[in-house]
Amino acid sequence: MSYLQQEGISRRTWYAIIMVALLHIALGYALVSGLAVKAVKVITGPLETVNIEEPAPPPEETPPPPPKLEEIPPYVPPPDVVIEQTAPPPPTITTQTTIATPEPPRVAPPAPPAPPAPPPPAPPAIAPTAPQAIARTFTVSEDDYPDASRRAGEEGVTGVRVTVGADGRVKACSVVNPSGFNRLDERACQIAERRWRFKPATQNGQPVEATITRNYRWQLQEGRR
């Protein structure tokens, strides 16, 4: 008994299997060598193009006409309404009677007391007496000349104002009429403050301060000019 018979497979089956295997081998070779592509081209043949016409678009719809506007009737103002007003009643006048009240009697205020009598006037002031010189006269000599003024031959009149205190001494001196030479004017006040003495002025019997004015005459002898 052969091997095929032992397996239980018939010869037809084996033949079919062998044919399928050969067919697969042939197809594989055809794919590798390009025969399959040629066979496909022969089978398919040339392609034909066909123009497909698109359907025409539908016509545009015509828009409907605008709606008609309703006519608005013209404005008619309402008629004027006249309201009759009744006249107001006349005002009521009220009269008020005023009864005069008698004024109370006026009492005169008492008279103010009389002012006190003014004090008696003071006695008139007595003018002070002028101071009186009790020392040398108001003349100057060549011994009173400053040396520089004597050498320069300066001459003139110096008017001074002196204040005599209550003790009779000269408290202040000022030049009111210069001689034109400062050295002579300064010497005049020096002499007045150092040498002049007065009996003080009095007022109501009391010594008081007073002011007098005196002049110095500066003059050199003929031989010293």
N, C-alpha and C. Protein backbone atom coordinates (compact mmCIF):
# COMPACT_ATOMS: atom_id res chain seq x y z
N MET A 1 0.88 -1.20 0.00
CA MET A 1 0.00 0.00 0.00
C MET A 1 0.90 1.22 0.00
N SER A 2 0.57 2.25 -0.86
CA SER A 2 1.42 3.49 -0.95
C SER A 2 1.17 4.44 0.21
N TYR A 3 2.02 5.47 0.31
CA TYR A 3 1.92 6.49 1.39
C TYR A 3 0.65 7.29 1.30
N LEU A 4 0.24 7.65 0.05
CA LEU A 4 -0.97 8.45 -0.12
C LEU A 4 -2.18 7.67 0.34
N GLN A 5 -2.20 6.43 0.02
CA GLN A 5 -3.34 5.63 0.41
C GLN A 5 -3.37 5.46 1.89
N GLN A 6 -2.18 5.38 2.52
CA GLN A 6 -2.15 5.24 3.97
C GLN A 6 -2.75 6.46 4.65
N GLU A 7 -2.55 7.64 4.16
CA GLU A 7 -3.05 8.86 4.80
C GLU A 7 -4.51 9.07 4.52
N GLY A 8 -5.06 8.46 3.58
CA GLY A 8 -6.48 8.59 3.29
C GLY A 8 -6.79 9.75 2.39
N ILE A 9 -5.85 10.26 1.61
CA ILE A 9 -6.09 11.40 0.71
C ILE A 9 -6.07 10.86 -0.69
N SER A 10 -7.04 11.26 -1.53
CA SER A 10 -7.14 10.76 -2.89
C SER A 10 -6.19 11.50 -3.78
N ARG A 11 -5.99 10.96 -4.96
CA ARG A 11 -5.08 11.59 -5.93
C ARG A 11 -5.64 12.90 -6.43
N ARG A 12 -6.91 13.03 -6.56
CA ARG A 12 -7.52 14.29 -7.06
C ARG A 12 -7.22 15.44 -6.11
N THR A 13 -7.26 15.14 -4.88
CA THR A 13 -6.97 16.20 -3.91
C THR A 13 -5.55 16.68 -4.03
N TRP A 14 -4.69 15.73 -4.19
CA TRP A 14 -3.28 16.12 -4.35
C TRP A 14 -3.09 16.90 -5.63
N TYR A 15 -3.73 16.54 -6.68
CA TYR A 15 -3.59 17.29 -7.92
C TYR A 15 -4.09 18.72 -7.76
N ALA A 16 -5.18 18.88 -7.08
CA ALA A 16 -5.71 20.23 -6.85
C ALA A 16 -4.75 21.08 -6.05
N ILE A 17 -4.15 20.46 -5.08
CA ILE A 17 -3.20 21.21 -4.25
C ILE A 17 -2.02 21.65 -5.06
N ILE A 18 -1.52 20.74 -5.92
CA ILE A 18 -0.36 21.06 -6.77
C ILE A 18 -0.71 22.17 -7.74
N MET A 19 -1.91 22.21 -8.30
CA MET A 19 -2.31 23.23 -9.26
C MET A 19 -2.43 24.60 -8.58
N VAL A 20 -2.96 24.62 -7.38
CA VAL A 20 -3.07 25.90 -6.64
C VAL A 20 -1.69 26.46 -6.35
N ALA A 21 -0.76 25.55 -6.03
CA ALA A 21 0.60 26.02 -5.72
C ALA A 21 1.26 26.58 -6.95
N LEU A 22 1.05 25.91 -8.09
CA LEU A 22 1.65 26.42 -9.32
C LEU A 22 1.04 27.77 -9.69
N LEU A 23 -0.26 27.90 -9.49
CA LEU A 23 -0.90 29.19 -9.82
C LEU A 23 -0.33 30.33 -8.97
N HIS A 24 -0.11 30.06 -7.73
CA HIS A 24 0.46 31.11 -6.86
C HIS A 24 1.87 31.48 -7.29
N ILE A 25 2.62 30.46 -7.70
CA ILE A 25 3.99 30.73 -8.15
C ILE A 25 3.96 31.59 -9.40
N ALA A 26 3.01 31.29 -10.32
CA ALA A 26 2.91 32.07 -11.56
C ALA A 26 2.51 33.51 -11.28
N LEU A 27 1.55 33.69 -10.39
CA LEU A 27 1.14 35.07 -10.06
C LEU A 27 2.27 35.85 -9.40
N GLY A 28 3.01 35.16 -8.56
CA GLY A 28 4.15 35.87 -7.92
C GLY A 28 5.18 36.28 -8.93
N TYR A 29 5.47 35.45 -9.90
CA TYR A 29 6.44 35.79 -10.94
C TYR A 29 5.92 36.93 -11.79
N ALA A 30 4.61 36.87 -12.09
CA ALA A 30 4.04 37.95 -12.91
C ALA A 30 4.13 39.29 -12.21
N LEU A 31 3.90 39.32 -10.94
CA LEU A 31 4.01 40.58 -10.20
C LEU A 31 5.42 41.10 -10.22
N VAL A 32 6.38 40.17 -10.07
CA VAL A 32 7.78 40.61 -10.03
C VAL A 32 8.22 41.10 -11.39
N SER A 33 7.84 40.49 -12.44
CA SER A 33 8.31 40.86 -13.79
C SER A 33 7.48 41.92 -14.45
N GLY A 34 6.35 42.42 -13.90
CA GLY A 34 5.53 43.48 -14.47
C GLY A 34 4.50 42.99 -15.43
N LEU A 35 4.38 41.67 -15.58
CA LEU A 35 3.39 41.14 -16.51
C LEU A 35 1.99 41.45 -16.02
N ALA A 36 1.83 41.50 -14.69
CA ALA A 36 0.49 41.75 -14.16
C ALA A 36 0.04 43.16 -14.50
N VAL A 37 1.00 44.14 -14.50
CA VAL A 37 0.61 45.51 -14.83
C VAL A 37 0.16 45.59 -16.26
N LYS A 38 0.90 44.92 -17.17
CA LYS A 38 0.53 44.93 -18.59
C LYS A 38 -0.82 44.29 -18.79
N ALA A 39 -1.05 43.20 -18.07
CA ALA A 39 -2.32 42.51 -18.21
C ALA A 39 -3.46 43.38 -17.74
N VAL A 40 -3.21 44.18 -16.65
CA VAL A 40 -4.26 45.05 -16.15
C VAL A 40 -4.57 46.14 -17.16
N LYS A 41 -3.50 46.71 -17.81
CA LYS A 41 -3.71 47.75 -18.82
C LYS A 41 -4.50 47.22 -20.00
N VAL A 42 -4.18 45.94 -20.41
CA VAL A 42 -4.88 45.37 -21.56
C VAL A 42 -6.34 45.14 -21.20
N ILE A 43 -6.56 44.74 -19.97
CA ILE A 43 -7.93 44.44 -19.57
C ILE A 43 -8.74 45.73 -19.46
N THR A 44 -8.11 46.73 -18.82
CA THR A 44 -8.87 47.96 -18.60
C THR A 44 -9.08 48.74 -19.87
N GLY A 45 -8.06 48.84 -20.76
CA GLY A 45 -8.23 49.58 -21.99
C GLY A 45 -8.18 51.08 -21.76
N PRO A 46 -8.31 51.96 -22.81
CA PRO A 46 -8.25 53.43 -22.66
C PRO A 46 -9.49 53.97 -21.94
N LEU A 47 -9.25 55.03 -21.13
CA LEU A 47 -10.33 55.68 -20.40
C LEU A 47 -10.95 56.77 -21.23
N GLU A 48 -12.24 56.90 -21.23
CA GLU A 48 -12.96 57.92 -21.98
C GLU A 48 -13.49 58.97 -21.00
N THR A 49 -13.26 60.24 -21.35
CA THR A 49 -13.74 61.33 -20.51
C THR A 49 -15.09 61.80 -21.00
N VAL A 50 -15.97 62.11 -20.10
CA VAL A 50 -17.32 62.54 -20.44
C VAL A 50 -17.59 63.85 -19.72
N ASN A 51 -17.98 64.90 -20.44
CA ASN A 51 -18.35 66.19 -19.85
C ASN A 51 -19.76 66.13 -19.31
N ILE A 52 -19.86 66.36 -18.05
CA ILE A 52 -21.18 66.34 -17.41
C ILE A 52 -21.62 67.78 -17.24
N GLU A 53 -22.68 68.16 -17.88
CA GLU A 53 -23.20 69.52 -17.81
C GLU A 53 -23.98 69.70 -16.51
N GLU A 54 -23.60 70.78 -15.81
CA GLU A 54 -24.31 71.10 -14.58
C GLU A 54 -25.62 71.78 -14.93
N PRO A 55 -26.64 71.55 -14.15
CA PRO A 55 -27.93 72.20 -14.43
C PRO A 55 -27.86 73.70 -14.18
N ALA A 56 -28.51 74.47 -15.01
CA ALA A 56 -28.50 75.94 -14.88
C ALA A 56 -29.15 76.35 -13.56
N PRO A 57 -28.59 77.42 -12.90
CA PRO A 57 -29.20 77.87 -11.65
C PRO A 57 -30.59 78.40 -11.87
N PRO A 58 -31.43 78.26 -10.90
CA PRO A 58 -32.81 78.75 -11.06
C PRO A 58 -32.81 80.27 -11.15
N PRO A 59 -33.72 80.88 -11.85
CA PRO A 59 -33.79 82.36 -11.97
C PRO A 59 -34.07 83.02 -10.63
N GLU A 60 -33.44 84.21 -10.45
CA GLU A 60 -33.63 84.96 -9.19
C GLU A 60 -35.06 85.42 -9.07
N GLU A 61 -35.52 85.32 -7.82
CA GLU A 61 -36.88 85.75 -7.56
C GLU A 61 -36.95 87.27 -7.50
N THR A 62 -37.96 87.84 -8.11
CA THR A 62 -38.15 89.30 -8.09
C THR A 62 -38.67 89.71 -6.72
N PRO A 63 -37.96 90.72 -6.02
CA PRO A 63 -38.44 91.11 -4.68
C PRO A 63 -39.83 91.70 -4.75
N PRO A 64 -40.59 91.49 -3.73
CA PRO A 64 -41.97 92.03 -3.74
C PRO A 64 -41.93 93.54 -3.63
N PRO A 65 -42.90 94.22 -4.16
CA PRO A 65 -42.93 95.69 -4.06
C PRO A 65 -43.09 96.15 -2.61
N PRO A 66 -42.50 97.34 -2.25
CA PRO A 66 -42.62 97.83 -0.86
C PRO A 66 -44.08 98.08 -0.51
N PRO A 67 -44.37 97.90 0.75
CA PRO A 67 -45.78 98.12 1.15
C PRO A 67 -46.15 99.59 1.05
N LYS A 68 -47.32 99.84 0.69
CA LYS A 68 -47.80 101.21 0.57
C LYS A 68 -47.98 101.83 1.95
N LEU A 69 -47.48 103.05 2.10
CA LEU A 69 -47.64 103.77 3.36
C LEU A 69 -49.04 104.33 3.48
N GLU A 70 -49.54 104.17 4.67
CA GLU A 70 -50.87 104.71 4.89
C GLU A 70 -50.80 106.21 5.03
N GLU A 71 -51.68 106.89 4.42
CA GLU A 71 -51.71 108.35 4.50
C GLU A 71 -52.20 108.77 5.88
N ILE A 72 -51.37 109.69 6.51
CA ILE A 72 -51.71 110.19 7.84
C ILE A 72 -52.54 111.45 7.67
N PRO A 73 -53.69 111.51 8.26
CA PRO A 73 -54.53 112.72 8.11
C PRO A 73 -53.86 113.91 8.77
N PRO A 74 -54.04 115.10 8.27
CA PRO A 74 -53.42 116.31 8.86
C PRO A 74 -53.94 116.55 10.28
N TYR A 75 -53.03 117.16 11.09
CA TYR A 75 -53.37 117.42 12.50
C TYR A 75 -54.34 118.60 12.59
N VAL A 76 -55.41 118.37 13.27
CA VAL A 76 -56.41 119.41 13.45
C VAL A 76 -56.43 119.74 14.94
N PRO A 77 -56.01 120.96 15.34
CA PRO A 77 -55.98 121.28 16.78
C PRO A 77 -57.39 121.28 17.34
N PRO A 78 -57.49 120.89 18.60
CA PRO A 78 -58.84 120.88 19.20
C PRO A 78 -59.33 122.31 19.40
N PRO A 79 -60.57 122.52 19.43
CA PRO A 79 -61.12 123.89 19.61
C PRO A 79 -60.80 124.41 20.99
N ASP A 80 -60.58 125.73 21.07
CA ASP A 80 -60.32 126.37 22.35
C ASP A 80 -61.55 126.28 23.24
N VAL A 81 -61.25 125.90 24.46
CA VAL A 81 -62.35 125.79 25.42
C VAL A 81 -62.30 127.00 26.32
N VAL A 82 -63.32 127.76 26.34
CA VAL A 82 -63.39 128.97 27.15
C VAL A 82 -64.09 128.62 28.45
N ILE A 83 -63.35 128.82 29.54
CA ILE A 83 -63.92 128.52 30.86
C ILE A 83 -64.32 129.85 31.50
N GLU A 84 -65.54 129.96 31.77
CA GLU A 84 -66.01 131.19 32.38
C GLU A 84 -65.69 131.16 33.87
N GLN A 85 -65.02 132.20 34.31
CA GLN A 85 -64.66 132.33 35.72
C GLN A 85 -65.61 133.30 36.39
N THR A 86 -66.04 132.91 37.51
CA THR A 86 -66.91 133.78 38.27
C THR A 86 -66.09 134.82 39.00
N ALA A 87 -66.54 136.01 39.03
CA ALA A 87 -65.81 137.10 39.70
C ALA A 87 -65.73 136.81 41.18
N PRO A 88 -64.55 137.05 41.80
CA PRO A 88 -64.45 136.81 43.24
C PRO A 88 -65.33 137.77 44.01
N PRO A 89 -65.74 137.38 45.15
CA PRO A 89 -66.60 138.28 45.94
C PRO A 89 -65.80 139.49 46.39
N PRO A 90 -66.44 140.60 46.57
CA PRO A 90 -65.72 141.81 47.00
C PRO A 90 -65.10 141.60 48.37
N PRO A 91 -63.91 142.18 48.60
CA PRO A 91 -63.26 141.99 49.90
C PRO A 91 -64.09 142.60 51.02
N THR A 92 -63.98 141.94 52.13
CA THR A 92 -64.72 142.40 53.31
C THR A 92 -63.86 143.39 54.07
N ILE A 93 -64.33 144.53 54.29
CA ILE A 93 -63.60 145.58 54.98
C ILE A 93 -64.05 145.57 56.43
N THR A 94 -63.07 145.36 57.31
CA THR A 94 -63.36 145.33 58.73
C THR A 94 -62.85 146.60 59.37
N THR A 95 -63.67 147.29 59.96
CA THR A 95 -63.28 148.53 60.63
C THR A 95 -63.06 148.25 62.10
N GLN A 96 -61.96 148.75 62.61
CA GLN A 96 -61.63 148.54 64.01
C GLN A 96 -61.63 149.89 64.71
N THR A 97 -62.39 149.97 65.69
CA THR A 97 -62.51 151.22 66.43
C THR A 97 -61.48 151.23 67.54
N THR A 98 -60.66 152.23 67.54
CA THR A 98 -59.62 152.36 68.56
C THR A 98 -60.03 153.41 69.55
N ILE A 99 -60.05 153.03 70.78
CA ILE A 99 -60.42 153.97 71.83
C ILE A 99 -59.15 154.58 72.37
N ALA A 100 -59.04 155.86 72.28
CA ALA A 100 -57.84 156.56 72.73
C ALA A 100 -57.72 156.45 74.23
N THR A 101 -56.52 156.04 74.66
CA THR A 101 -56.25 155.93 76.10
C THR A 101 -55.58 157.20 76.55
N PRO A 102 -56.08 157.82 77.55
CA PRO A 102 -55.44 159.08 77.99
C PRO A 102 -54.03 158.82 78.50
N GLU A 103 -53.12 159.70 78.10
CA GLU A 103 -51.75 159.56 78.54
C GLU A 103 -51.64 159.89 80.03
N PRO A 104 -50.76 159.16 80.72
CA PRO A 104 -50.58 159.49 82.15
C PRO A 104 -49.91 160.84 82.29
N PRO A 105 -50.14 161.50 83.33
CA PRO A 105 -49.52 162.83 83.52
C PRO A 105 -48.01 162.70 83.60
N ARG A 106 -47.36 163.58 82.93
CA ARG A 106 -45.89 163.59 82.91
C ARG A 106 -45.37 164.33 84.13
N VAL A 107 -44.42 163.69 84.77
CA VAL A 107 -43.80 164.31 85.95
C VAL A 107 -42.42 164.78 85.54
N ALA A 108 -42.15 166.02 85.71
CA ALA A 108 -40.84 166.57 85.33
C ALA A 108 -39.77 166.01 86.25
N PRO A 109 -38.63 165.55 85.70
CA PRO A 109 -37.56 165.03 86.56
C PRO A 109 -36.97 166.15 87.40
N PRO A 110 -36.46 165.80 88.54
CA PRO A 110 -35.87 166.85 89.39
C PRO A 110 -34.65 167.46 88.71
N ALA A 111 -34.44 168.71 88.95
CA ALA A 111 -33.30 169.42 88.35
C ALA A 111 -32.00 168.88 88.92
N PRO A 112 -30.97 168.71 88.06
CA PRO A 112 -29.69 168.22 88.57
C PRO A 112 -29.08 169.23 89.54
N PRO A 113 -28.28 168.72 90.46
CA PRO A 113 -27.67 169.67 91.40
C PRO A 113 -26.73 170.62 90.68
N ALA A 114 -26.61 171.77 91.20
CA ALA A 114 -25.74 172.79 90.59
C ALA A 114 -24.28 172.35 90.69
N PRO A 115 -23.50 172.54 89.60
CA PRO A 115 -22.09 172.15 89.66
C PRO A 115 -21.35 172.98 90.70
N PRO A 116 -20.28 172.42 91.24
CA PRO A 116 -19.53 173.19 92.24
C PRO A 116 -18.89 174.41 91.61
N ALA A 117 -18.71 175.39 92.39
CA ALA A 117 -18.12 176.63 91.89
C ALA A 117 -16.67 176.39 91.49
N PRO A 118 -16.22 176.94 90.35
CA PRO A 118 -14.84 176.74 89.93
C PRO A 118 -13.88 177.36 90.94
N PRO A 119 -12.68 176.78 91.03
CA PRO A 119 -11.71 177.35 91.97
C PRO A 119 -11.31 178.75 91.53
N PRO A 120 -10.90 179.55 92.43
CA PRO A 120 -10.50 180.92 92.07
C PRO A 120 -9.30 180.88 91.14
N PRO A 121 -9.26 181.78 90.17
CA PRO A 121 -8.13 181.79 89.23
C PRO A 121 -6.82 182.02 89.96
N ALA A 122 -5.79 181.33 89.39
CA ALA A 122 -4.46 181.49 89.98
C ALA A 122 -3.96 182.90 89.69
N PRO A 123 -3.19 183.42 90.56
CA PRO A 123 -2.64 184.77 90.31
C PRO A 123 -1.76 184.74 89.08
N PRO A 124 -1.73 185.80 88.34
CA PRO A 124 -0.90 185.83 87.12
C PRO A 124 0.56 185.57 87.46
N ALA A 125 1.20 184.77 86.56
CA ALA A 125 2.60 184.42 86.78
C ALA A 125 3.46 185.66 86.58
N ILE A 126 4.41 185.74 87.42
CA ILE A 126 5.34 186.87 87.33
C ILE A 126 6.51 186.44 86.45
N ALA A 127 6.80 187.25 85.45
CA ALA A 127 7.90 186.93 84.54
C ALA A 127 9.20 186.89 85.34
N PRO A 128 10.04 185.89 85.00
CA PRO A 128 11.32 185.81 85.73
C PRO A 128 12.21 187.00 85.39
N THR A 129 13.00 187.35 86.34
CA THR A 129 13.97 188.43 86.11
C THR A 129 15.18 187.87 85.39
N ALA A 130 15.88 188.68 84.67
CA ALA A 130 17.04 188.24 83.92
C ALA A 130 18.22 188.05 84.87
N PRO A 131 19.11 187.09 84.56
CA PRO A 131 20.31 186.94 85.38
C PRO A 131 21.16 188.21 85.32
N GLN A 132 21.85 188.51 86.35
CA GLN A 132 22.71 189.69 86.42
C GLN A 132 24.14 189.24 86.64
N ALA A 133 25.04 189.83 85.87
CA ALA A 133 26.45 189.46 85.98
C ALA A 133 27.02 190.01 87.27
N ILE A 134 27.75 189.18 87.97
CA ILE A 134 28.38 189.61 89.22
C ILE A 134 29.89 189.45 89.15
N ALA A 135 30.39 189.10 87.97
CA ALA A 135 31.84 188.95 87.83
C ALA A 135 32.35 189.94 86.81
N ARG A 136 33.39 189.55 86.09
CA ARG A 136 33.96 190.43 85.07
C ARG A 136 32.94 190.72 83.98
N THR A 137 33.23 191.79 83.25
CA THR A 137 32.33 192.15 82.15
C THR A 137 32.48 191.15 81.03
N PHE A 138 31.64 191.34 80.01
CA PHE A 138 31.64 190.42 78.89
C PHE A 138 32.65 190.79 77.81
N THR A 139 33.54 191.69 78.09
CA THR A 139 34.56 192.06 77.12
C THR A 139 35.72 191.09 77.24
N VAL A 140 36.50 191.00 76.16
CA VAL A 140 37.69 190.17 76.14
C VAL A 140 38.88 191.05 75.80
N SER A 141 40.03 190.61 76.21
CA SER A 141 41.26 191.36 75.95
C SER A 141 42.17 190.54 75.05
N GLU A 142 43.34 191.14 74.77
CA GLU A 142 44.28 190.41 73.92
C GLU A 142 44.83 189.18 74.64
N ASP A 143 44.78 189.18 75.96
CA ASP A 143 45.26 188.01 76.70
C ASP A 143 44.35 186.80 76.47
N ASP A 144 43.06 187.06 76.10
CA ASP A 144 42.12 185.96 75.83
C ASP A 144 42.27 185.40 74.42
N TYR A 145 43.07 186.04 73.55
CA TYR A 145 43.24 185.61 72.17
C TYR A 145 43.98 184.26 72.12
N PRO A 146 43.58 183.36 71.27
CA PRO A 146 44.43 182.22 70.98
C PRO A 146 45.71 182.71 70.28
N ASP A 147 46.82 182.05 70.53
CA ASP A 147 48.09 182.49 69.94
C ASP A 147 48.05 182.50 68.43
N ALA A 148 47.46 181.47 67.86
CA ALA A 148 47.41 181.41 66.40
C ALA A 148 46.54 182.52 65.84
N SER A 149 45.44 182.87 66.54
CA SER A 149 44.58 183.93 66.06
C SER A 149 45.27 185.28 66.19
N ARG A 150 46.09 185.46 67.26
CA ARG A 150 46.81 186.73 67.41
C ARG A 150 47.84 186.87 66.29
N ARG A 151 48.58 185.80 66.01
CA ARG A 151 49.58 185.89 64.95
C ARG A 151 48.92 186.11 63.59
N ALA A 152 47.73 185.52 63.39
CA ALA A 152 47.04 185.68 62.10
C ALA A 152 46.30 186.99 62.03
N GLY A 153 46.18 187.73 63.14
CA GLY A 153 45.48 189.01 63.13
C GLY A 153 43.99 188.85 62.93
N GLU A 154 43.36 187.82 63.52
CA GLU A 154 41.93 187.59 63.36
C GLU A 154 41.13 188.51 64.28
N GLU A 155 40.07 189.12 63.75
CA GLU A 155 39.19 189.99 64.51
C GLU A 155 37.74 189.73 64.09
N GLY A 156 36.83 190.07 65.01
CA GLY A 156 35.42 189.90 64.70
C GLY A 156 34.57 189.90 65.95
N VAL A 157 33.25 189.59 65.77
CA VAL A 157 32.29 189.57 66.88
C VAL A 157 31.68 188.18 66.92
N THR A 158 31.71 187.58 68.11
CA THR A 158 31.11 186.25 68.32
C THR A 158 29.92 186.41 69.25
N GLY A 159 28.73 185.99 68.77
CA GLY A 159 27.53 186.00 69.61
C GLY A 159 27.28 184.62 70.18
N VAL A 160 27.12 184.52 71.52
CA VAL A 160 26.90 183.23 72.17
C VAL A 160 25.60 183.29 72.97
N ARG A 161 24.97 182.13 73.13
CA ARG A 161 23.79 181.98 73.98
C ARG A 161 24.18 181.03 75.11
N VAL A 162 24.02 181.52 76.37
CA VAL A 162 24.41 180.73 77.53
C VAL A 162 23.18 180.46 78.37
N THR A 163 23.17 179.28 79.01
CA THR A 163 22.10 178.90 79.93
C THR A 163 22.66 179.01 81.35
N VAL A 164 22.06 179.87 82.15
CA VAL A 164 22.48 180.12 83.53
C VAL A 164 21.58 179.32 84.45
N GLY A 165 22.18 178.44 85.27
CA GLY A 165 21.40 177.64 86.18
C GLY A 165 20.96 178.42 87.40
N ALA A 166 20.21 177.72 88.28
CA ALA A 166 19.70 178.38 89.50
C ALA A 166 20.83 178.74 90.46
N ASP A 167 22.03 178.16 90.26
CA ASP A 167 23.17 178.50 91.11
C ASP A 167 24.00 179.64 90.54
N GLY A 168 23.63 180.19 89.38
CA GLY A 168 24.34 181.31 88.79
C GLY A 168 25.49 180.91 87.89
N ARG A 169 25.76 179.62 87.70
CA ARG A 169 26.84 179.19 86.81
C ARG A 169 26.30 178.90 85.41
N VAL A 170 27.21 179.00 84.44
CA VAL A 170 26.84 178.72 83.04
C VAL A 170 26.81 177.21 82.85
N LYS A 171 25.67 176.68 82.45
CA LYS A 171 25.53 175.24 82.26
C LYS A 171 25.75 174.82 80.81
N ALA A 172 25.49 175.72 79.85
CA ALA A 172 25.66 175.39 78.43
C ALA A 172 25.94 176.65 77.67
N CYS A 173 26.64 176.46 76.53
CA CYS A 173 26.99 177.61 75.68
C CYS A 173 26.95 177.17 74.24
N SER A 174 26.43 178.02 73.37
CA SER A 174 26.38 177.74 71.93
C SER A 174 26.59 179.04 71.17
N VAL A 175 27.23 178.94 69.99
CA VAL A 175 27.52 180.10 69.15
C VAL A 175 26.30 180.34 68.27
N VAL A 176 25.75 181.55 68.34
CA VAL A 176 24.59 181.91 67.51
C VAL A 176 24.96 182.91 66.44
N ASN A 177 26.10 183.58 66.59
CA ASN A 177 26.56 184.56 65.59
C ASN A 177 28.06 184.38 65.44
N PRO A 178 28.52 183.52 64.51
CA PRO A 178 29.94 183.26 64.39
C PRO A 178 30.69 184.48 63.88
N SER A 179 31.95 184.54 64.28
CA SER A 179 32.81 185.65 63.85
C SER A 179 33.48 185.40 62.52
N GLY A 180 33.45 184.17 62.07
CA GLY A 180 34.14 183.82 60.84
C GLY A 180 35.44 183.08 61.10
N PHE A 181 35.80 182.94 62.38
CA PHE A 181 37.04 182.24 62.75
C PHE A 181 36.67 181.23 63.84
N ASN A 182 36.89 179.98 63.56
CA ASN A 182 36.50 178.93 64.51
C ASN A 182 37.26 179.03 65.82
N ARG A 183 38.52 179.43 65.77
CA ARG A 183 39.29 179.50 67.00
C ARG A 183 38.74 180.56 67.94
N LEU A 184 38.31 181.70 67.41
CA LEU A 184 37.73 182.74 68.26
C LEU A 184 36.38 182.30 68.84
N ASP A 185 35.55 181.60 68.02
CA ASP A 185 34.24 181.17 68.51
C ASP A 185 34.39 180.13 69.61
N GLU A 186 35.29 179.17 69.43
CA GLU A 186 35.50 178.16 70.48
C GLU A 186 36.02 178.80 71.77
N ARG A 187 36.94 179.77 71.64
CA ARG A 187 37.49 180.41 72.84
C ARG A 187 36.39 181.21 73.56
N ALA A 188 35.44 181.78 72.83
CA ALA A 188 34.37 182.55 73.45
C ALA A 188 33.56 181.68 74.40
N CYS A 189 33.14 180.48 73.98
CA CYS A 189 32.38 179.59 74.86
C CYS A 189 33.24 179.07 76.01
N GLN A 190 34.52 178.86 75.78
CA GLN A 190 35.40 178.41 76.87
C GLN A 190 35.47 179.47 77.97
N ILE A 191 35.59 180.74 77.56
CA ILE A 191 35.64 181.82 78.55
C ILE A 191 34.34 181.92 79.31
N ALA A 192 33.18 181.80 78.62
CA ALA A 192 31.88 181.94 79.26
C ALA A 192 31.67 180.83 80.29
N GLU A 193 32.00 179.61 79.96
CA GLU A 193 31.76 178.50 80.88
C GLU A 193 32.73 178.52 82.07
N ARG A 194 33.94 179.04 81.85
CA ARG A 194 34.94 179.01 82.92
C ARG A 194 34.90 180.24 83.82
N ARG A 195 34.54 181.40 83.24
CA ARG A 195 34.75 182.64 83.98
C ARG A 195 33.47 183.38 84.33
N TRP A 196 32.44 183.22 83.58
CA TRP A 196 31.26 184.02 83.83
C TRP A 196 30.52 183.51 85.07
N ARG A 197 30.04 184.46 85.89
CA ARG A 197 29.21 184.17 87.05
C ARG A 197 28.04 185.16 87.05
N PHE A 198 26.89 184.67 87.50
CA PHE A 198 25.69 185.51 87.46
C PHE A 198 24.93 185.39 88.77
N LYS A 199 24.15 186.42 89.01
CA LYS A 199 23.12 186.34 90.02
C LYS A 199 21.92 185.73 89.32
N PRO A 200 21.43 184.52 89.73
CA PRO A 200 20.42 183.82 88.94
C PRO A 200 19.13 184.60 88.82
N ALA A 201 18.41 184.29 87.80
CA ALA A 201 17.08 184.88 87.61
C ALA A 201 16.13 184.31 88.66
N THR A 202 15.11 185.11 88.99
CA THR A 202 14.14 184.70 90.00
C THR A 202 12.74 184.81 89.44
N GLN A 203 11.85 183.94 90.00
CA GLN A 203 10.43 183.99 89.63
C GLN A 203 9.65 183.69 90.90
N ASN A 204 8.78 184.63 91.26
CA ASN A 204 8.04 184.53 92.53
C ASN A 204 9.00 184.38 93.71
N GLY A 205 10.13 185.06 93.60
CA GLY A 205 11.09 185.04 94.68
C GLY A 205 11.98 183.84 94.74
N GLN A 206 11.88 182.88 93.76
CA GLN A 206 12.70 181.68 93.75
C GLN A 206 13.67 181.72 92.58
N PRO A 207 14.95 181.30 92.78
CA PRO A 207 15.90 181.28 91.67
C PRO A 207 15.50 180.23 90.64
N VAL A 208 15.59 180.61 89.39
CA VAL A 208 15.21 179.70 88.28
C VAL A 208 16.28 179.76 87.20
N GLU A 209 16.23 178.79 86.30
CA GLU A 209 17.16 178.72 85.17
C GLU A 209 16.70 179.68 84.09
N ALA A 210 17.66 180.30 83.41
CA ALA A 210 17.32 181.28 82.37
C ALA A 210 18.40 181.24 81.30
N THR A 211 18.10 181.84 80.15
CA THR A 211 19.02 181.87 79.01
C THR A 211 19.20 183.32 78.58
N ILE A 212 20.47 183.68 78.33
CA ILE A 212 20.77 185.04 77.85
C ILE A 212 21.73 184.94 76.69
N THR A 213 21.82 186.02 75.91
CA THR A 213 22.71 186.08 74.75
C THR A 213 23.65 187.28 74.93
N ARG A 214 24.92 187.03 74.66
CA ARG A 214 25.93 188.09 74.77
C ARG A 214 26.86 187.99 73.56
N ASN A 215 27.58 189.12 73.28
CA ASN A 215 28.51 189.19 72.16
C ASN A 215 29.93 189.45 72.68
N TYR A 216 30.87 188.79 72.03
CA TYR A 216 32.30 189.05 72.25
C TYR A 216 32.82 189.87 71.09
N ARG A 217 33.60 190.89 71.37
CA ARG A 217 34.25 191.63 70.31
C ARG A 217 35.75 191.34 70.38
N TRP A 218 36.24 190.70 69.34
CA TRP A 218 37.66 190.38 69.25
C TRP A 218 38.34 191.48 68.43
N GLN A 219 39.32 192.18 69.10
CA GLN A 219 40.00 193.29 68.45
C GLN A 219 41.43 193.41 68.99
N LEU A 220 42.36 193.53 68.13
CA LEU A 220 43.77 193.66 68.50
C LEU A 220 44.16 195.13 68.52
N GLN A 221 45.20 195.40 69.28
CA GLN A 221 45.73 196.77 69.31
C GLN A 221 46.38 197.11 67.98
N GLU A 222 46.54 198.39 67.76
CA GLU A 222 47.07 198.83 66.47
C GLU A 222 48.46 198.25 66.23
N GLY A 223 49.27 198.15 67.29
CA GLY A 223 50.65 197.71 67.07
C GLY A 223 50.77 196.23 66.85
N ARG A 224 49.71 195.41 67.15
CA ARG A 224 49.82 193.95 67.03
C ARG A 224 49.08 193.39 65.80
N ARG A 225 48.55 194.26 65.00
CA ARG A 225 47.85 193.79 63.80
C ARG A 225 48.86 193.39 62.72
